[in-house]
Amino acid sequence: MVKIVPIDQPSAGIIEMPDRFRKEIVYFMTPSDTPGAPPCGANEYWIRLADSNRWLEDGIFTLVSPLDAESVAEIELTEDQERWLEWMVSKEVTHIRLE
């Protein structure tokens, strides 16, 4: 299991996710060059709250092909991803570390 530690909201507690989440987090992270993005250390990620809200409401996220920017796939959230996003939104967590 992977522990998700909230950096910006320590009172939110820790949530656990399956090991595969280490590879999935990149689908959700906000790019580091986005205005307002905090510096992130090793295994740290920043996710805009508005994005977390949108994914949770829509029940999907989109993936853009690295080979063809016009190829976009809509992927349905897994139960684990939905549970994680519910935690992010309800606790207003945006900056996390994976342990």
Protein backbone atom coordinates (compact mmCIF):
# COMPACT_ATOMS: atom_id res chain seq x y z
CA MET A 1 0.00 0.00 0.00
CA VAL A 2 1.02 3.59 -0.67
CA LYS A 3 0.42 6.19 2.02
CA ILE A 4 -0.81 9.59 0.81
CA VAL A 5 0.39 12.27 3.22
CA PRO A 6 -1.23 15.72 2.95
CA ILE A 7 1.44 18.41 3.11
CA ASP A 8 -0.83 21.47 3.04
CA GLN A 9 -3.58 20.05 5.30
CA PRO A 10 -1.84 17.90 7.95
CA SER A 11 -5.05 17.57 9.98
CA ALA A 12 -6.62 15.64 7.06
CA GLY A 13 -4.85 12.48 8.15
CA ILE A 14 -3.31 9.88 5.87
CA ILE A 15 -5.11 7.81 3.24
CA GLU A 16 -3.80 4.57 1.75
CA MET A 17 -3.96 3.58 -1.90
CA PRO A 18 -2.91 0.44 -3.79
CA ASP A 19 0.72 0.32 -4.96
CA ARG A 20 -0.35 0.97 -8.57
CA PHE A 21 -1.26 4.53 -7.53
CA ARG A 22 2.47 5.42 -7.72
CA LYS A 23 2.09 5.16 -11.51
CA GLU A 24 -1.41 6.65 -11.67
CA ILE A 25 -0.66 9.89 -9.80
CA VAL A 26 0.95 11.38 -12.92
CA TYR A 27 -2.50 11.42 -14.58
CA PHE A 28 -3.72 13.82 -11.90
CA MET A 29 -0.77 16.04 -10.99
CA THR A 30 -0.84 19.69 -12.00
CA PRO A 31 2.26 20.63 -14.05
CA SER A 32 4.99 22.27 -11.97
CA ASP A 33 5.15 25.28 -14.32
CA THR A 34 1.50 26.19 -13.61
CA PRO A 35 1.19 29.65 -12.00
CA GLY A 36 0.76 29.25 -8.25
CA ALA A 37 2.25 25.76 -8.13
CA PRO A 38 4.36 25.25 -5.00
CA PRO A 39 7.80 23.68 -5.25
CA CYS A 40 7.52 19.93 -4.86
CA GLY A 41 10.17 17.62 -3.46
CA ALA A 42 10.76 13.96 -4.23
CA ASN A 43 7.52 11.97 -4.34
CA GLU A 44 5.47 15.16 -3.87
CA TYR A 45 2.62 16.25 -6.12
CA TRP A 46 0.34 19.26 -6.38
CA ILE A 47 -3.19 18.89 -7.68
CA ARG A 48 -5.43 21.93 -8.14
CA LEU A 49 -8.58 21.60 -6.06
CA ALA A 50 -10.72 22.72 -9.02
CA ASP A 51 -9.35 19.80 -11.06
CA SER A 52 -10.05 17.32 -8.26
CA ASN A 53 -13.61 18.64 -8.04
CA ARG A 54 -14.13 18.34 -11.81
CA TRP A 55 -12.81 14.77 -12.01
CA LEU A 56 -14.94 13.74 -9.07
CA GLU A 57 -18.08 15.34 -10.49
CA ASP A 58 -17.49 13.96 -14.00
CA GLY A 59 -16.35 10.52 -12.85
CA ILE A 60 -13.64 10.59 -15.53
CA PHE A 61 -10.25 12.08 -16.34
CA THR A 62 -8.69 12.61 -19.74
CA LEU A 63 -5.40 11.35 -21.08
CA VAL A 64 -3.62 13.01 -23.98
CA SER A 65 -1.37 10.79 -26.06
CA PRO A 66 2.30 11.80 -25.82
CA LEU A 67 2.62 10.86 -29.49
CA ASP A 68 -0.40 12.73 -30.82
CA ALA A 69 -1.85 15.70 -28.91
CA GLU A 70 -5.14 15.30 -30.77
CA SER A 71 -5.65 11.77 -29.40
CA VAL A 72 -7.50 12.13 -26.12
CA ALA A 73 -9.04 9.31 -24.13
CA GLU A 74 -11.62 9.64 -21.37
CA ILE A 75 -10.92 7.18 -18.56
CA GLU A 76 -13.50 6.29 -15.92
CA LEU A 77 -12.30 6.69 -12.34
CA THR A 78 -11.65 3.52 -10.41
CA GLU A 79 -13.26 3.10 -6.99
CA ASP A 80 -9.88 3.79 -5.37
CA GLN A 81 -9.31 6.94 -7.42
CA GLU A 82 -12.79 8.15 -6.57
CA ARG A 83 -12.21 7.50 -2.86
CA TRP A 84 -8.90 9.41 -3.03
CA LEU A 85 -10.49 12.37 -4.84
CA GLU A 86 -13.35 12.47 -2.33
CA TRP A 87 -10.72 12.70 0.43
CA MET A 88 -8.80 15.41 -1.47
CA VAL A 89 -11.93 17.50 -2.04
CA SER A 90 -13.54 17.06 1.39
CA LYS A 91 -10.27 17.91 3.19
CA GLU A 92 -9.23 20.58 0.61
CA VAL A 93 -5.88 18.85 0.09
CA THR A 94 -3.79 20.01 -2.87
CA HIS A 95 -0.17 19.15 -1.99
CA ILE A 96 0.63 15.50 -1.20
CA ARG A 97 3.57 13.18 -0.71
CA LEU A 98 3.57 9.46 -1.48
CA GLU A 99 5.27 7.16 1.04
